[in-house]
Amino acid sequence: METQAPKRLIRSRNDKLLAGICGGLANYLDMDPTIIRLIYVLATLFTAVFPGVLIYLIMWIIVPKEKN
């Protein structure tokens, strides 16, 4: 029986528009990156923009990049 390594949230290098946060999150959740981006944009707009931008910037700093 082979054990798998636990899934980790990482920033995507291939599927990114700005920092790869949404692409990495989509990969982690096994979802389409476009859906994740749409949900993020709508949530950011409906929460007066600042919290969504702040969360994105914090994730940009904390979430590690995907290794080559």
N, C-alpha and C. Protein backbone atom coordinates (compact mmCIF):
# COMPACT_ATOMS: atom_id res chain seq x y z
N MET A 1 0.83 -1.17 0.00
CA MET A 1 0.00 0.00 0.00
C MET A 1 0.89 1.24 0.00
N GLU A 2 0.61 2.11 -0.92
CA GLU A 2 1.41 3.32 -1.09
C GLU A 2 0.72 4.50 -0.42
N THR A 3 1.45 5.25 0.39
CA THR A 3 0.86 6.43 1.05
C THR A 3 1.15 7.66 0.22
N GLN A 4 0.16 8.51 0.13
CA GLN A 4 0.31 9.75 -0.63
C GLN A 4 0.71 10.88 0.30
N ALA A 5 1.46 11.80 -0.24
CA ALA A 5 1.83 13.00 0.52
C ALA A 5 0.59 13.86 0.70
N PRO A 6 0.47 14.52 1.83
CA PRO A 6 -0.70 15.38 2.03
C PRO A 6 -0.72 16.54 1.04
N LYS A 7 -1.91 16.94 0.64
CA LYS A 7 -2.07 18.06 -0.28
C LYS A 7 -1.65 19.34 0.41
N ARG A 8 -0.96 20.20 -0.32
CA ARG A 8 -0.54 21.50 0.21
C ARG A 8 -1.07 22.60 -0.68
N LEU A 9 -1.42 23.71 -0.07
CA LEU A 9 -1.84 24.89 -0.82
C LEU A 9 -0.59 25.63 -1.24
N ILE A 10 -0.40 25.76 -2.55
CA ILE A 10 0.75 26.48 -3.10
C ILE A 10 0.28 27.41 -4.20
N ARG A 11 1.04 28.47 -4.44
CA ARG A 11 0.73 29.40 -5.53
C ARG A 11 1.16 28.77 -6.85
N SER A 12 0.28 28.84 -7.82
CA SER A 12 0.54 28.23 -9.12
C SER A 12 1.50 29.09 -9.94
N ARG A 13 2.44 28.46 -10.61
CA ARG A 13 3.34 29.18 -11.52
C ARG A 13 2.77 29.19 -12.95
N ASN A 14 2.00 28.16 -13.29
CA ASN A 14 1.49 28.03 -14.65
C ASN A 14 0.14 28.69 -14.85
N ASP A 15 -0.72 28.62 -13.85
CA ASP A 15 -2.09 29.13 -13.98
C ASP A 15 -2.25 30.35 -13.09
N LYS A 16 -1.66 31.46 -13.53
CA LYS A 16 -1.74 32.66 -12.72
C LYS A 16 -2.04 33.88 -13.58
N LEU A 17 -2.71 34.84 -12.96
CA LEU A 17 -2.93 36.13 -13.59
C LEU A 17 -2.12 37.21 -12.87
N LEU A 18 -2.10 37.15 -11.55
CA LEU A 18 -1.32 38.11 -10.78
C LEU A 18 -0.25 37.39 -9.95
N ALA A 19 -0.68 36.68 -8.92
CA ALA A 19 0.29 36.01 -8.04
C ALA A 19 0.12 34.50 -8.02
N GLY A 20 -0.90 33.97 -8.64
CA GLY A 20 -1.12 32.52 -8.66
C GLY A 20 -1.92 32.00 -7.49
N ILE A 21 -2.50 32.90 -6.69
CA ILE A 21 -3.28 32.49 -5.52
C ILE A 21 -4.53 31.72 -5.95
N CYS A 22 -5.31 32.28 -6.83
CA CYS A 22 -6.56 31.62 -7.26
C CYS A 22 -6.28 30.34 -8.04
N GLY A 23 -5.23 30.33 -8.85
CA GLY A 23 -4.86 29.12 -9.57
C GLY A 23 -4.43 28.02 -8.63
N GLY A 24 -3.66 28.37 -7.60
CA GLY A 24 -3.23 27.38 -6.60
C GLY A 24 -4.39 26.88 -5.77
N LEU A 25 -5.31 27.79 -5.41
CA LEU A 25 -6.48 27.40 -4.64
C LEU A 25 -7.38 26.47 -5.46
N ALA A 26 -7.53 26.77 -6.75
CA ALA A 26 -8.33 25.92 -7.63
C ALA A 26 -7.71 24.53 -7.75
N ASN A 27 -6.40 24.47 -7.85
CA ASN A 27 -5.72 23.18 -7.92
C ASN A 27 -5.91 22.41 -6.62
N TYR A 28 -5.82 23.08 -5.49
CA TYR A 28 -5.99 22.45 -4.18
C TYR A 28 -7.40 21.89 -4.00
N LEU A 29 -8.40 22.64 -4.50
CA LEU A 29 -9.79 22.24 -4.35
C LEU A 29 -10.31 21.41 -5.53
N ASP A 30 -9.46 21.14 -6.51
CA ASP A 30 -9.84 20.41 -7.72
C ASP A 30 -11.02 21.07 -8.42
N MET A 31 -10.89 22.37 -8.65
CA MET A 31 -11.94 23.14 -9.32
C MET A 31 -11.34 23.90 -10.49
N ASP A 32 -12.21 24.46 -11.32
CA ASP A 32 -11.78 25.29 -12.43
C ASP A 32 -11.31 26.64 -11.90
N PRO A 33 -10.11 27.10 -12.30
CA PRO A 33 -9.60 28.38 -11.80
C PRO A 33 -10.51 29.57 -12.12
N THR A 34 -11.21 29.51 -13.23
CA THR A 34 -12.11 30.61 -13.59
C THR A 34 -13.24 30.75 -12.57
N ILE A 35 -13.75 29.65 -12.08
CA ILE A 35 -14.81 29.70 -11.07
C ILE A 35 -14.28 30.29 -9.77
N ILE A 36 -13.08 29.88 -9.37
CA ILE A 36 -12.47 30.42 -8.15
C ILE A 36 -12.26 31.93 -8.29
N ARG A 37 -11.76 32.37 -9.43
CA ARG A 37 -11.54 33.80 -9.66
C ARG A 37 -12.85 34.58 -9.62
N LEU A 38 -13.88 34.04 -10.24
CA LEU A 38 -15.19 34.69 -10.24
C LEU A 38 -15.75 34.80 -8.83
N ILE A 39 -15.67 33.73 -8.07
CA ILE A 39 -16.14 33.75 -6.68
C ILE A 39 -15.34 34.77 -5.87
N TYR A 40 -14.03 34.82 -6.06
CA TYR A 40 -13.19 35.76 -5.33
C TYR A 40 -13.55 37.20 -5.67
N VAL A 41 -13.71 37.50 -6.96
CA VAL A 41 -14.04 38.87 -7.37
C VAL A 41 -15.40 39.29 -6.82
N LEU A 42 -16.39 38.42 -6.92
CA LEU A 42 -17.72 38.75 -6.40
C LEU A 42 -17.69 38.94 -4.89
N ALA A 43 -17.00 38.07 -4.18
CA ALA A 43 -16.90 38.20 -2.72
C ALA A 43 -16.18 39.49 -2.35
N THR A 44 -15.15 39.85 -3.11
CA THR A 44 -14.42 41.09 -2.83
C THR A 44 -15.30 42.30 -3.07
N LEU A 45 -16.05 42.30 -4.15
CA LEU A 45 -16.92 43.44 -4.45
C LEU A 45 -18.05 43.59 -3.43
N PHE A 46 -18.59 42.47 -2.95
CA PHE A 46 -19.70 42.53 -2.01
C PHE A 46 -19.27 42.76 -0.56
N THR A 47 -17.97 42.74 -0.30
CA THR A 47 -17.48 43.02 1.05
C THR A 47 -16.71 44.33 1.11
N ALA A 48 -17.10 45.27 0.28
CA ALA A 48 -16.51 46.62 0.26
C ALA A 48 -15.03 46.63 -0.15
N VAL A 49 -14.58 45.68 -0.92
CA VAL A 49 -13.28 45.58 -1.57
C VAL A 49 -12.09 45.40 -0.62
N PHE A 50 -11.97 46.19 0.42
CA PHE A 50 -10.77 46.16 1.26
C PHE A 50 -10.45 44.79 1.86
N PRO A 51 -11.41 44.07 2.47
CA PRO A 51 -11.06 42.77 3.05
C PRO A 51 -10.54 41.77 2.01
N GLY A 52 -11.14 41.76 0.83
CA GLY A 52 -10.70 40.83 -0.21
C GLY A 52 -9.29 41.13 -0.68
N VAL A 53 -8.97 42.41 -0.85
CA VAL A 53 -7.63 42.81 -1.27
C VAL A 53 -6.62 42.47 -0.18
N LEU A 54 -6.98 42.73 1.06
CA LEU A 54 -6.09 42.45 2.18
C LEU A 54 -5.81 40.95 2.29
N ILE A 55 -6.84 40.13 2.17
CA ILE A 55 -6.67 38.67 2.23
C ILE A 55 -5.77 38.19 1.09
N TYR A 56 -5.95 38.74 -0.11
CA TYR A 56 -5.12 38.34 -1.25
C TYR A 56 -3.66 38.69 -0.99
N LEU A 57 -3.40 39.89 -0.49
CA LEU A 57 -2.03 40.31 -0.22
C LEU A 57 -1.38 39.45 0.86
N ILE A 58 -2.13 39.12 1.91
CA ILE A 58 -1.60 38.25 2.96
C ILE A 58 -1.28 36.87 2.40
N MET A 59 -2.19 36.33 1.59
CA MET A 59 -1.94 35.01 0.99
C MET A 59 -0.73 35.05 0.06
N TRP A 60 -0.54 36.16 -0.65
CA TRP A 60 0.58 36.32 -1.56
C TRP A 60 1.90 36.21 -0.78
N ILE A 61 1.90 36.73 0.44
CA ILE A 61 3.10 36.69 1.27
C ILE A 61 3.30 35.32 1.92
N ILE A 62 2.21 34.72 2.40
CA ILE A 62 2.30 33.50 3.21
C ILE A 62 2.37 32.21 2.39
N VAL A 63 1.56 32.10 1.34
CA VAL A 63 1.47 30.85 0.57
C VAL A 63 2.72 30.68 -0.29
N PRO A 64 3.43 29.55 -0.18
CA PRO A 64 4.67 29.35 -0.94
C PRO A 64 4.39 29.13 -2.43
N LYS A 65 5.40 29.46 -3.25
CA LYS A 65 5.31 29.23 -4.69
C LYS A 65 5.48 27.76 -5.01
N GLU A 66 4.89 27.37 -6.13
CA GLU A 66 5.06 26.01 -6.64
C GLU A 66 6.51 25.83 -7.08
N LYS A 67 7.11 24.70 -6.73
CA LYS A 67 8.48 24.42 -7.12
C LYS A 67 8.51 23.90 -8.55
N ASN A 68 9.59 24.18 -9.25
CA ASN A 68 9.71 23.71 -10.64
C ASN A 68 9.99 22.26 -10.71
